[in-house]
């Protein structure tokens, strides 16, 4: 576990070992997806939104360094994910080596920044 610039943020490499930490920050449980890829698990996390209804389906393909997010009618795919920033009680930030970022907040909000 590596400390970020902000002492409250923890930065982890994007690999299978970070999945439980992501789930903890988002206040959800992990499930192995009903599909998989050779040699690697695929993880799915469902983040509740207003009234406890599912708001975001987060699919973590750690073996491919990829994250998929489905939120309403929008689907976002981020490739080349290298690290995850964990902001306790707030959000998870998936970052690429090219400075693109996908943020998933505890309340189910999704933000994408592409460079």
C-alpha atoms as a PDB file:
ATOM      1  CA  UNK A   1       0.000   0.000   0.000  1.00  0.00           C
ATOM      2  CA  UNK A   2       1.405   3.356  -0.987  1.00  0.00           C
ATOM      3  CA  UNK A   3       0.474   6.751   0.443  1.00  0.00           C
ATOM      4  CA  UNK A   4      -0.624   9.463  -1.940  1.00  0.00           C
ATOM      5  CA  UNK A   5       0.116  13.186  -1.944  1.00  0.00           C
ATOM      6  CA  UNK A   6      -2.832  13.577   0.441  1.00  0.00           C
ATOM      7  CA  UNK A   7      -2.271  11.584   3.639  1.00  0.00           C
ATOM      8  CA  UNK A   8      -5.904  10.359   3.599  1.00  0.00           C
ATOM      9  CA  UNK A   9      -5.677   8.875   0.086  1.00  0.00           C
ATOM     10  CA  UNK A  10      -4.202   5.401  -0.385  1.00  0.00           C
ATOM     11  CA  UNK A  11      -2.783   4.451  -3.792  1.00  0.00           C
ATOM     12  CA  UNK A  12      -2.697   0.773  -4.801  1.00  0.00           C
ATOM     13  CA  UNK A  13      -1.539  -0.952  -7.967  1.00  0.00           C
ATOM     14  CA  UNK A  14      -4.483  -2.057 -10.111  1.00  0.00           C
ATOM     15  CA  UNK A  15      -4.325  -5.806  -9.586  1.00  0.00           C
ATOM     16  CA  UNK A  16      -6.581  -8.446  -8.093  1.00  0.00           C
ATOM     17  CA  UNK A  17      -5.426  -7.594  -4.569  1.00  0.00           C
ATOM     18  CA  UNK A  18      -7.066  -4.137  -4.741  1.00  0.00           C
ATOM     19  CA  UNK A  19     -10.616  -5.408  -5.406  1.00  0.00           C
ATOM     20  CA  UNK A  20     -11.600  -5.840  -1.754  1.00  0.00           C
ATOM     21  CA  UNK A  21     -10.230  -2.405  -0.874  1.00  0.00           C
ATOM     22  CA  UNK A  22     -12.270  -0.812  -3.676  1.00  0.00           C
ATOM     23  CA  UNK A  23     -15.402  -2.586  -2.415  1.00  0.00           C
ATOM     24  CA  UNK A  24     -14.735  -1.418   1.138  1.00  0.00           C
ATOM     25  CA  UNK A  25     -14.415   2.230   0.086  1.00  0.00           C
ATOM     26  CA  UNK A  26     -17.644   2.004  -1.938  1.00  0.00           C
ATOM     27  CA  UNK A  27     -19.441   0.175   0.892  1.00  0.00           C
ATOM     28  CA  UNK A  28     -20.337  -2.843  -1.256  1.00  0.00           C
ATOM     29  CA  UNK A  29     -19.464  -6.518  -1.614  1.00  0.00           C
ATOM     30  CA  UNK A  30     -17.565  -8.151  -4.453  1.00  0.00           C
ATOM     31  CA  UNK A  31     -18.793 -10.899  -6.735  1.00  0.00           C
ATOM     32  CA  UNK A  32     -16.925 -12.898  -9.300  1.00  0.00           C
ATOM     33  CA  UNK A  33     -18.584 -12.127 -12.639  1.00  0.00           C
ATOM     34  CA  UNK A  34     -20.567 -14.892 -14.350  1.00  0.00           C
ATOM     35  CA  UNK A  35     -17.942 -14.724 -17.116  1.00  0.00           C
ATOM     36  CA  UNK A  36     -14.185 -14.813 -16.887  1.00  0.00           C
ATOM     37  CA  UNK A  37     -11.046 -14.649 -18.897  1.00  0.00           C
ATOM     38  CA  UNK A  38      -8.282 -17.273 -18.959  1.00  0.00           C
ATOM     39  CA  UNK A  39      -6.013 -17.011 -15.946  1.00  0.00           C
ATOM     40  CA  UNK A  40      -7.804 -14.115 -14.239  1.00  0.00           C
ATOM     41  CA  UNK A  41     -11.016 -13.417 -12.369  1.00  0.00           C
ATOM     42  CA  UNK A  42     -13.369 -10.650 -13.409  1.00  0.00           C
ATOM     43  CA  UNK A  43     -15.045  -8.837 -10.519  1.00  0.00           C
ATOM     44  CA  UNK A  44     -18.377  -7.005 -10.372  1.00  0.00           C
ATOM     45  CA  UNK A  45     -19.525  -4.528  -7.741  1.00  0.00           C
ATOM     46  CA  UNK A  46     -22.976  -2.959  -7.601  1.00  0.00           C
ATOM     47  CA  UNK A  47     -23.033   0.526  -6.080  1.00  0.00           C
ATOM     48  CA  UNK A  48     -26.386   1.717  -4.709  1.00  0.00           C
ATOM     49  CA  UNK A  49     -27.689   5.188  -5.447  1.00  0.00           C
ATOM     50  CA  UNK A  50     -30.772   7.040  -4.217  1.00  0.00           C
ATOM     51  CA  UNK A  51     -33.255   4.944  -2.226  1.00  0.00           C
ATOM     52  CA  UNK A  52     -30.793   2.029  -2.178  1.00  0.00           C
ATOM     53  CA  UNK A  53     -31.526   1.141  -5.813  1.00  0.00           C
ATOM     54  CA  UNK A  54     -28.546  -0.004  -7.922  1.00  0.00           C
ATOM     55  CA  UNK A  55     -26.907   2.989  -9.546  1.00  0.00           C
ATOM     56  CA  UNK A  56     -23.616   1.697 -10.945  1.00  0.00           C
ATOM     57  CA  UNK A  57     -22.363  -1.683 -12.101  1.00  0.00           C
ATOM     58  CA  UNK A  58     -18.571  -1.660 -11.841  1.00  0.00           C
ATOM     59  CA  UNK A  59     -16.700  -4.467 -13.622  1.00  0.00           C
ATOM     60  CA  UNK A  60     -13.021  -4.802 -12.792  1.00  0.00           C
ATOM     61  CA  UNK A  61     -10.883  -6.683 -15.323  1.00  0.00           C
ATOM     62  CA  UNK A  62      -7.617  -6.546 -13.380  1.00  0.00           C
ATOM     63  CA  UNK A  63      -5.922  -9.031 -15.740  1.00  0.00           C
ATOM     64  CA  UNK A  64      -6.607  -6.679 -18.668  1.00  0.00           C
ATOM     65  CA  UNK A  65      -5.995  -3.450 -16.699  1.00  0.00           C
ATOM     66  CA  UNK A  66      -9.538  -2.421 -17.625  1.00  0.00           C
ATOM     67  CA  UNK A  67     -12.575  -1.043 -15.757  1.00  0.00           C
ATOM     68  CA  UNK A  68     -16.133  -0.923 -17.116  1.00  0.00           C
ATOM     69  CA  UNK A  69     -18.887   1.179 -15.550  1.00  0.00           C
ATOM     70  CA  UNK A  70     -22.561   1.054 -16.445  1.00  0.00           C
ATOM     71  CA  UNK A  71     -24.639   3.872 -14.999  1.00  0.00           C
ATOM     72  CA  UNK A  72     -28.127   4.360 -16.399  1.00  0.00           C
ATOM     73  CA  UNK A  73     -27.874   4.512 -20.184  1.00  0.00           C
ATOM     74  CA  UNK A  74     -24.141   5.315 -20.075  1.00  0.00           C
ATOM     75  CA  UNK A  75     -21.287   2.827 -20.334  1.00  0.00           C
ATOM     76  CA  UNK A  76     -17.668   3.850 -19.791  1.00  0.00           C
ATOM     77  CA  UNK A  77     -14.643   1.649 -20.471  1.00  0.00           C
ATOM     78  CA  UNK A  78     -11.214   2.713 -19.223  1.00  0.00           C
ATOM     79  CA  UNK A  79      -8.173   0.763 -20.455  1.00  0.00           C
ATOM     80  CA  UNK A  80      -4.566   0.836 -19.295  1.00  0.00           C
ATOM     81  CA  UNK A  81      -5.519   1.316 -15.628  1.00  0.00           C
ATOM     82  CA  UNK A  82      -2.343   1.259 -13.562  1.00  0.00           C
ATOM     83  CA  UNK A  83      -3.315   2.511 -10.085  1.00  0.00           C
ATOM     84  CA  UNK A  84      -6.337   3.045  -7.879  1.00  0.00           C
ATOM     85  CA  UNK A  85      -6.629   5.944  -5.421  1.00  0.00           C
ATOM     86  CA  UNK A  86      -8.881   5.176  -2.450  1.00  0.00           C
ATOM     87  CA  UNK A  87     -10.482   8.191  -0.800  1.00  0.00           C
ATOM     88  CA  UNK A  88     -12.019   6.853   2.440  1.00  0.00           C
ATOM     89  CA  UNK A  89     -15.744   7.459   2.761  1.00  0.00           C
ATOM     90  CA  UNK A  90     -15.875   9.304  -0.584  1.00  0.00           C
ATOM     91  CA  UNK A  91     -14.724   7.640  -3.821  1.00  0.00           C
ATOM     92  CA  UNK A  92     -12.399   5.421  -5.816  1.00  0.00           C
ATOM     93  CA  UNK A  93     -10.245   6.878  -8.614  1.00  0.00           C
ATOM     94  CA  UNK A  94      -8.982   4.571 -11.371  1.00  0.00           C
ATOM     95  CA  UNK A  95      -5.981   6.157 -13.135  1.00  0.00           C
ATOM     96  CA  UNK A  96      -4.112   5.336 -16.325  1.00  0.00           C
ATOM     97  CA  UNK A  97      -0.492   6.017 -17.189  1.00  0.00           C
ATOM     98  CA  UNK A  98      -1.758   8.658 -19.663  1.00  0.00           C
ATOM     99  CA  UNK A  99      -3.490  10.629 -16.868  1.00  0.00           C
ATOM    100  CA  UNK A 100      -7.034   9.609 -17.796  1.00  0.00           C
ATOM    101  CA  UNK A 101      -9.212   8.946 -14.785  1.00  0.00           C
ATOM    102  CA  UNK A 102     -12.508   7.302 -13.874  1.00  0.00           C
ATOM    103  CA  UNK A 103     -14.059   8.195 -10.521  1.00  0.00           C
ATOM    104  CA  UNK A 104     -16.821   6.193  -8.849  1.00  0.00           C
ATOM    105  CA  UNK A 105     -18.301   7.760  -5.712  1.00  0.00           C
ATOM    106  CA  UNK A 106     -20.067   5.983  -2.853  1.00  0.00           C
ATOM    107  CA  UNK A 107     -23.382   7.552  -3.876  1.00  0.00           C
ATOM    108  CA  UNK A 108     -23.055   6.108  -7.389  1.00  0.00           C
ATOM    109  CA  UNK A 109     -21.836   9.240  -9.171  1.00  0.00           C
ATOM    110  CA  UNK A 110     -19.433   8.630 -12.076  1.00  0.00           C
ATOM    111  CA  UNK A 111     -16.891  11.118 -13.440  1.00  0.00           C
ATOM    112  CA  UNK A 112     -14.553  10.572 -16.395  1.00  0.00           C
ATOM    113  CA  UNK A 113     -11.527  12.656 -17.331  1.00  0.00           C
ATOM    114  CA  UNK A 114      -9.742  11.780 -20.532  1.00  0.00           C
ATOM    115  CA  UNK A 115      -6.458  13.252 -21.675  1.00  0.00           C
END
